[in-house]
Amino acid sequence: MNVNDAAYIAGLFDAGGCVTYTQRWEYRKSRDKKYKFWKIRCEISMADESIIRWIHEVLKVGSVRMRKARKPGYKNQWCWTCAHRDAYYIAKLIWPYAQVKLHKLEQIIDHYNPEVSCKNVVNLEDYRNESR
């Protein structure tokens, strides 16, 4: 992808995009308990299908779907969505050009950055050597 496409997508993202970076609790009946999970997601929605399809084609990640109009006279919305590691890839790609969504994109990048997010993870070999 060239710089112009990345900057254009960042602009579309700032105008009609959404970045979700939250931790939530979910109750699972099969396990009969609550657990925490991360909801990390990037999304762009608009009425123009061709632009959404172009974004999907250029980025080569995520999925495209249509949201039906909720009221008569309104247009259907087309939505491109990606989550987790794909969202990390997109965040790193458009970070230099983003303005409005910059803080949330930085949160995603920091979440997946090994120096930041894995500082409490123990290497299995190191753990085995310490326990001997």
N, C-alpha and C. Protein backbone atom coordinates (compact mmCIF):
# COMPACT_ATOMS: atom_id res chain seq x y z
N MET A 1 0.85 -1.18 0.00
CA MET A 1 0.00 0.00 0.00
C MET A 1 0.89 1.24 0.00
N ASN A 2 0.48 2.24 -0.75
CA ASN A 2 1.28 3.46 -0.80
C ASN A 2 0.85 4.43 0.30
N VAL A 3 1.64 5.47 0.49
CA VAL A 3 1.42 6.46 1.55
C VAL A 3 0.11 7.20 1.36
N ASN A 4 -0.24 7.51 0.11
CA ASN A 4 -1.48 8.24 -0.16
C ASN A 4 -2.71 7.43 0.26
N ASP A 5 -2.70 6.13 -0.03
CA ASP A 5 -3.83 5.28 0.37
C ASP A 5 -3.94 5.21 1.88
N ALA A 6 -2.82 5.06 2.57
CA ALA A 6 -2.84 4.99 4.03
C ALA A 6 -3.36 6.30 4.63
N ALA A 7 -2.94 7.43 4.09
CA ALA A 7 -3.40 8.73 4.58
C ALA A 7 -4.89 8.93 4.29
N TYR A 8 -5.33 8.50 3.12
CA TYR A 8 -6.74 8.63 2.76
C TYR A 8 -7.62 7.77 3.68
N ILE A 9 -7.18 6.55 3.93
CA ILE A 9 -7.93 5.65 4.82
C ILE A 9 -7.94 6.20 6.24
N ALA A 10 -6.83 6.79 6.68
CA ALA A 10 -6.80 7.40 8.00
C ALA A 10 -7.80 8.55 8.10
N GLY A 11 -7.92 9.33 7.02
CA GLY A 11 -8.90 10.42 7.00
C GLY A 11 -10.32 9.89 7.06
N LEU A 12 -10.60 8.85 6.28
CA LEU A 12 -11.92 8.23 6.34
C LEU A 12 -12.19 7.66 7.73
N PHE A 13 -11.15 7.09 8.31
CA PHE A 13 -11.27 6.51 9.63
C PHE A 13 -11.57 7.57 10.67
N ASP A 14 -10.88 8.71 10.60
CA ASP A 14 -11.14 9.80 11.54
C ASP A 14 -12.55 10.34 11.39
N ALA A 15 -13.05 10.38 10.16
CA ALA A 15 -14.38 10.96 9.92
C ALA A 15 -15.51 9.99 10.22
N GLY A 16 -15.41 8.75 9.74
CA GLY A 16 -16.53 7.83 9.88
C GLY A 16 -16.17 6.52 10.53
N GLY A 17 -15.07 6.49 11.27
CA GLY A 17 -14.62 5.25 11.87
C GLY A 17 -14.87 5.18 13.36
N CYS A 18 -14.62 4.00 13.89
CA CYS A 18 -14.79 3.76 15.32
C CYS A 18 -13.68 2.83 15.79
N VAL A 19 -13.06 3.18 16.89
CA VAL A 19 -12.04 2.33 17.50
C VAL A 19 -12.56 1.92 18.87
N THR A 20 -12.60 0.62 19.12
CA THR A 20 -13.04 0.12 20.42
C THR A 20 -11.86 -0.57 21.09
N TYR A 21 -11.56 -0.11 22.29
CA TYR A 21 -10.51 -0.72 23.10
C TYR A 21 -11.01 -0.74 24.54
N THR A 22 -11.70 -1.80 24.93
CA THR A 22 -12.26 -1.90 26.27
C THR A 22 -12.09 -3.32 26.80
N GLN A 23 -12.12 -3.42 28.11
CA GLN A 23 -12.12 -4.73 28.74
C GLN A 23 -13.49 -4.90 29.41
N ARG A 24 -14.12 -6.04 29.17
CA ARG A 24 -15.46 -6.28 29.67
C ARG A 24 -15.55 -7.61 30.40
N TRP A 25 -16.63 -7.72 31.15
CA TRP A 25 -16.96 -8.98 31.80
C TRP A 25 -18.05 -9.66 31.01
N GLU A 26 -17.93 -10.96 30.85
CA GLU A 26 -18.97 -11.72 30.16
C GLU A 26 -19.29 -12.97 30.97
N TYR A 27 -20.57 -13.26 31.06
CA TYR A 27 -21.00 -14.46 31.77
C TYR A 27 -21.21 -15.58 30.76
N ARG A 28 -20.60 -16.71 31.01
CA ARG A 28 -20.74 -17.85 30.12
C ARG A 28 -21.46 -18.97 30.86
N LYS A 29 -22.65 -19.33 30.38
CA LYS A 29 -23.45 -20.35 31.05
C LYS A 29 -22.76 -21.71 31.09
N SER A 30 -22.05 -22.06 30.04
CA SER A 30 -21.41 -23.38 29.99
C SER A 30 -20.36 -23.54 31.09
N ARG A 31 -19.74 -22.45 31.48
CA ARG A 31 -18.73 -22.52 32.55
C ARG A 31 -19.27 -22.00 33.86
N ASP A 32 -20.45 -21.42 33.83
CA ASP A 32 -21.14 -20.89 35.01
C ASP A 32 -20.28 -19.90 35.79
N LYS A 33 -19.59 -19.04 35.06
CA LYS A 33 -18.82 -17.99 35.72
C LYS A 33 -18.57 -16.83 34.76
N LYS A 34 -18.14 -15.71 35.34
CA LYS A 34 -17.78 -14.53 34.55
C LYS A 34 -16.29 -14.55 34.26
N TYR A 35 -15.93 -13.96 33.15
CA TYR A 35 -14.52 -13.80 32.83
C TYR A 35 -14.33 -12.50 32.06
N LYS A 36 -13.11 -11.96 32.16
CA LYS A 36 -12.78 -10.72 31.46
C LYS A 36 -12.29 -11.04 30.06
N PHE A 37 -12.61 -10.17 29.13
CA PHE A 37 -12.07 -10.29 27.78
C PHE A 37 -11.87 -8.90 27.21
N TRP A 38 -10.94 -8.79 26.29
CA TRP A 38 -10.65 -7.53 25.61
C TRP A 38 -11.48 -7.43 24.34
N LYS A 39 -12.09 -6.29 24.15
CA LYS A 39 -12.80 -6.00 22.90
C LYS A 39 -11.96 -4.96 22.17
N ILE A 40 -11.25 -5.43 21.15
CA ILE A 40 -10.36 -4.56 20.36
C ILE A 40 -10.84 -4.64 18.92
N ARG A 41 -11.27 -3.49 18.41
CA ARG A 41 -11.95 -3.50 17.11
C ARG A 41 -11.80 -2.16 16.39
N CYS A 42 -11.69 -2.21 15.07
CA CYS A 42 -11.70 -1.01 14.22
C CYS A 42 -12.81 -1.17 13.20
N GLU A 43 -13.49 -0.07 12.92
CA GLU A 43 -14.65 -0.14 12.03
C GLU A 43 -14.82 1.18 11.28
N ILE A 44 -15.22 1.07 10.02
CA ILE A 44 -15.60 2.24 9.22
C ILE A 44 -16.96 1.96 8.62
N SER A 45 -17.88 2.91 8.77
CA SER A 45 -19.23 2.76 8.23
C SER A 45 -19.57 3.95 7.35
N MET A 46 -20.24 3.66 6.24
CA MET A 46 -20.75 4.73 5.37
C MET A 46 -21.76 4.14 4.39
N ALA A 47 -22.46 4.99 3.69
CA ALA A 47 -23.48 4.55 2.75
C ALA A 47 -22.91 4.14 1.40
N ASP A 48 -21.69 4.51 1.11
CA ASP A 48 -21.08 4.22 -0.19
C ASP A 48 -20.39 2.85 -0.16
N GLU A 49 -20.99 1.87 -0.79
CA GLU A 49 -20.46 0.51 -0.79
C GLU A 49 -19.10 0.43 -1.49
N SER A 50 -18.93 1.18 -2.57
CA SER A 50 -17.68 1.06 -3.34
C SER A 50 -16.46 1.46 -2.53
N ILE A 51 -16.58 2.47 -1.70
CA ILE A 51 -15.45 2.91 -0.86
C ILE A 51 -15.12 1.83 0.18
N ILE A 52 -16.14 1.26 0.80
CA ILE A 52 -15.92 0.22 1.80
C ILE A 52 -15.27 -1.01 1.16
N ARG A 53 -15.73 -1.38 -0.02
CA ARG A 53 -15.12 -2.51 -0.73
C ARG A 53 -13.66 -2.20 -1.11
N TRP A 54 -13.40 -0.96 -1.50
CA TRP A 54 -12.04 -0.56 -1.83
C TRP A 54 -11.13 -0.65 -0.60
N ILE A 55 -11.62 -0.19 0.56
CA ILE A 55 -10.85 -0.28 1.80
C ILE A 55 -10.50 -1.73 2.11
N HIS A 56 -11.48 -2.61 1.98
CA HIS A 56 -11.26 -4.03 2.24
C HIS A 56 -10.24 -4.62 1.26
N GLU A 57 -10.34 -4.22 0.02
CA GLU A 57 -9.42 -4.71 -1.01
C GLU A 57 -7.99 -4.22 -0.77
N VAL A 58 -7.82 -2.98 -0.38
CA VAL A 58 -6.49 -2.40 -0.16
C VAL A 58 -5.86 -2.96 1.11
N LEU A 59 -6.64 -3.06 2.19
CA LEU A 59 -6.08 -3.49 3.47
C LEU A 59 -5.91 -5.00 3.58
N LYS A 60 -6.74 -5.75 2.85
CA LYS A 60 -6.66 -7.22 2.82
C LYS A 60 -6.89 -7.87 4.19
N VAL A 61 -7.59 -7.19 5.09
CA VAL A 61 -8.00 -7.76 6.37
C VAL A 61 -9.42 -7.31 6.67
N GLY A 62 -10.05 -7.97 7.62
CA GLY A 62 -11.38 -7.57 8.05
C GLY A 62 -12.48 -8.17 7.20
N SER A 63 -13.68 -7.66 7.42
CA SER A 63 -14.84 -8.15 6.69
C SER A 63 -15.77 -6.98 6.37
N VAL A 64 -16.62 -7.18 5.38
CA VAL A 64 -17.58 -6.17 4.95
C VAL A 64 -18.97 -6.73 5.13
N ARG A 65 -19.86 -5.90 5.65
CA ARG A 65 -21.26 -6.31 5.78
C ARG A 65 -22.17 -5.09 5.60
N MET A 66 -23.43 -5.38 5.37
CA MET A 66 -24.40 -4.31 5.20
C MET A 66 -25.31 -4.25 6.41
N ARG A 67 -25.59 -3.04 6.89
CA ARG A 67 -26.57 -2.82 7.95
C ARG A 67 -27.81 -2.23 7.30
N LYS A 68 -28.91 -2.87 7.51
CA LYS A 68 -30.18 -2.37 6.96
C LYS A 68 -30.54 -1.03 7.58
N ALA A 69 -31.15 -0.16 6.78
CA ALA A 69 -31.61 1.13 7.28
C ALA A 69 -32.70 0.91 8.33
N ARG A 70 -32.65 1.66 9.40
CA ARG A 70 -33.60 1.48 10.50
C ARG A 70 -34.93 2.18 10.25
N LYS A 71 -34.91 3.20 9.42
CA LYS A 71 -36.13 3.96 9.16
C LYS A 71 -36.34 4.09 7.66
N PRO A 72 -37.58 4.18 7.23
CA PRO A 72 -37.83 4.40 5.80
C PRO A 72 -37.23 5.73 5.34
N GLY A 73 -36.67 5.72 4.16
CA GLY A 73 -36.05 6.93 3.62
C GLY A 73 -34.57 7.05 3.95
N TYR A 74 -34.07 6.23 4.85
CA TYR A 74 -32.66 6.23 5.19
C TYR A 74 -31.94 5.22 4.30
N LYS A 75 -30.65 5.43 4.09
CA LYS A 75 -29.86 4.52 3.27
C LYS A 75 -29.29 3.38 4.12
N ASN A 76 -29.04 2.27 3.46
CA ASN A 76 -28.33 1.17 4.12
C ASN A 76 -26.89 1.60 4.37
N GLN A 77 -26.32 1.11 5.44
CA GLN A 77 -24.93 1.40 5.79
C GLN A 77 -24.06 0.21 5.44
N TRP A 78 -22.89 0.48 4.90
CA TRP A 78 -21.90 -0.55 4.64
C TRP A 78 -20.81 -0.39 5.68
N CYS A 79 -20.36 -1.51 6.22
CA CYS A 79 -19.46 -1.49 7.34
C CYS A 79 -18.28 -2.42 7.10
N TRP A 80 -17.06 -1.87 7.25
CA TRP A 80 -15.85 -2.69 7.23
C TRP A 80 -15.38 -2.80 8.67
N THR A 81 -15.08 -4.03 9.11
CA THR A 81 -14.70 -4.28 10.50
C THR A 81 -13.50 -5.22 10.58
N CYS A 82 -12.62 -4.96 11.52
CA CYS A 82 -11.56 -5.91 11.85
C CYS A 82 -11.36 -5.89 13.36
N ALA A 83 -10.77 -6.95 13.89
CA ALA A 83 -10.61 -7.06 15.34
C ALA A 83 -9.24 -7.63 15.70
N HIS A 84 -8.85 -7.41 16.93
CA HIS A 84 -7.67 -7.97 17.58
C HIS A 84 -6.38 -7.73 16.78
N ARG A 85 -5.70 -8.77 16.33
CA ARG A 85 -4.40 -8.58 15.64
C ARG A 85 -4.55 -7.81 14.33
N ASP A 86 -5.67 -8.00 13.65
CA ASP A 86 -5.91 -7.22 12.43
C ASP A 86 -6.06 -5.74 12.77
N ALA A 87 -6.72 -5.44 13.90
CA ALA A 87 -6.86 -4.05 14.34
C ALA A 87 -5.49 -3.47 14.69
N TYR A 88 -4.62 -4.28 15.26
CA TYR A 88 -3.24 -3.84 15.55
C TYR A 88 -2.51 -3.47 14.26
N TYR A 89 -2.65 -4.32 13.24
CA TYR A 89 -2.03 -4.06 11.94
C TYR A 89 -2.53 -2.73 11.37
N ILE A 90 -3.83 -2.52 11.42
CA ILE A 90 -4.42 -1.28 10.88
C ILE A 90 -3.97 -0.08 11.70
N ALA A 91 -3.96 -0.23 13.02
CA ALA A 91 -3.53 0.88 13.89
C ALA A 91 -2.11 1.31 13.57
N LYS A 92 -1.21 0.36 13.38
CA LYS A 92 0.17 0.70 13.04
C LYS A 92 0.27 1.34 11.65
N LEU A 93 -0.61 0.92 10.75
CA LEU A 93 -0.58 1.41 9.38
C LEU A 93 -1.03 2.88 9.30
N ILE A 94 -2.11 3.23 10.00
CA ILE A 94 -2.68 4.58 9.85
C ILE A 94 -2.29 5.52 10.98
N TRP A 95 -1.58 5.03 11.98
CA TRP A 95 -1.20 5.87 13.12
C TRP A 95 -0.50 7.17 12.71
N PRO A 96 0.46 7.16 11.77
CA PRO A 96 1.14 8.42 11.44
C PRO A 96 0.22 9.50 10.85
N TYR A 97 -0.93 9.10 10.34
CA TYR A 97 -1.81 10.04 9.64
C TYR A 97 -3.08 10.36 10.42
N ALA A 98 -3.35 9.67 11.50
CA ALA A 98 -4.60 9.85 12.25
C ALA A 98 -4.52 11.09 13.13
N GLN A 99 -5.65 11.71 13.37
CA GLN A 99 -5.74 12.87 14.26
C GLN A 99 -6.77 12.61 15.37
N VAL A 100 -8.01 12.38 14.97
CA VAL A 100 -9.11 12.24 15.92
C VAL A 100 -9.02 10.95 16.72
N LYS A 101 -8.73 9.85 16.07
CA LYS A 101 -8.70 8.53 16.72
C LYS A 101 -7.30 8.14 17.20
N LEU A 102 -6.40 9.07 17.26
CA LEU A 102 -5.01 8.79 17.57
C LEU A 102 -4.82 8.11 18.93
N HIS A 103 -5.49 8.60 19.96
CA HIS A 103 -5.31 8.05 21.31
C HIS A 103 -5.73 6.58 21.38
N LYS A 104 -6.87 6.25 20.80
CA LYS A 104 -7.34 4.86 20.81
C LYS A 104 -6.43 3.96 19.98
N LEU A 105 -5.94 4.45 18.86
CA LEU A 105 -5.01 3.67 18.05
C LEU A 105 -3.72 3.39 18.83
N GLU A 106 -3.25 4.38 19.58
CA GLU A 106 -2.06 4.18 20.40
C GLU A 106 -2.30 3.15 21.50
N GLN A 107 -3.51 3.11 22.05
CA GLN A 107 -3.83 2.10 23.06
C GLN A 107 -3.74 0.69 22.47
N ILE A 108 -4.24 0.52 21.25
CA ILE A 108 -4.16 -0.79 20.60
C ILE A 108 -2.70 -1.17 20.33
N ILE A 109 -1.92 -0.22 19.84
CA ILE A 109 -0.51 -0.49 19.55
C ILE A 109 0.22 -0.87 20.84
N ASP A 110 -0.02 -0.13 21.92
CA ASP A 110 0.62 -0.44 23.19
C ASP A 110 0.19 -1.79 23.74
N HIS A 111 -1.06 -2.17 23.51
CA HIS A 111 -1.57 -3.46 23.98
C HIS A 111 -0.82 -4.63 23.36
N TYR A 112 -0.51 -4.53 22.08
CA TYR A 112 0.15 -5.62 21.38
C TYR A 112 1.67 -5.47 21.29
N ASN A 113 2.21 -4.36 21.75
CA ASN A 113 3.65 -4.15 21.70
C ASN A 113 4.30 -5.08 22.74
N PRO A 114 5.19 -5.98 22.33
CA PRO A 114 5.76 -6.96 23.27
C PRO A 114 6.50 -6.34 24.45
N GLU A 115 7.16 -5.22 24.26
CA GLU A 115 7.90 -4.60 25.36
C GLU A 115 6.96 -4.08 26.44
N VAL A 116 5.74 -3.72 26.05
CA VAL A 116 4.79 -3.16 27.01
C VAL A 116 3.86 -4.23 27.56
N SER A 117 3.23 -4.98 26.69
CA SER A 117 2.17 -5.88 27.13
C SER A 117 2.68 -7.20 27.68
N CYS A 118 3.90 -7.60 27.37
CA CYS A 118 4.39 -8.91 27.80
C CYS A 118 5.44 -8.83 28.89
N LYS A 119 5.53 -7.72 29.60
CA LYS A 119 6.58 -7.61 30.60
C LYS A 119 6.34 -8.53 31.79
N ASN A 120 5.10 -8.98 32.02
CA ASN A 120 4.82 -9.90 33.11
C ASN A 120 4.75 -11.35 32.65
N VAL A 121 4.95 -11.61 31.39
CA VAL A 121 4.92 -12.97 30.87
C VAL A 121 6.29 -13.60 31.09
N VAL A 122 6.28 -14.81 31.62
CA VAL A 122 7.52 -15.52 31.92
C VAL A 122 7.83 -16.48 30.79
N ASN A 123 9.07 -16.49 30.36
CA ASN A 123 9.52 -17.44 29.36
C ASN A 123 9.51 -18.83 29.99
N LEU A 124 8.98 -19.81 29.30
CA LEU A 124 8.85 -21.16 29.84
C LEU A 124 10.20 -21.77 30.19
N GLU A 125 11.20 -21.58 29.35
CA GLU A 125 12.54 -22.12 29.62
C GLU A 125 13.15 -21.47 30.86
N ASP A 126 12.98 -20.16 31.00
CA ASP A 126 13.49 -19.46 32.19
C ASP A 126 12.80 -19.98 33.45
N TYR A 127 11.50 -20.21 33.37
CA TYR A 127 10.74 -20.70 34.51
C TYR A 127 11.22 -22.10 34.91
N ARG A 128 11.44 -22.95 33.93
CA ARG A 128 11.92 -24.32 34.22
C ARG A 128 13.30 -24.30 34.85
N ASN A 129 14.17 -23.42 34.36
CA ASN A 129 15.53 -23.32 34.92
C ASN A 129 15.52 -22.78 36.34
N GLU A 130 14.61 -21.85 36.66
CA GLU A 130 14.53 -21.29 38.01
C GLU A 130 14.00 -22.30 39.00
N SER A 131 13.09 -23.16 38.58
CA SER A 131 12.47 -24.10 39.51
C SER A 131 13.36 -25.29 39.85
N ARG A 132 14.46 -25.45 39.15
CA ARG A 132 15.38 -26.59 39.43
C ARG A 132 16.30 -26.31 40.56
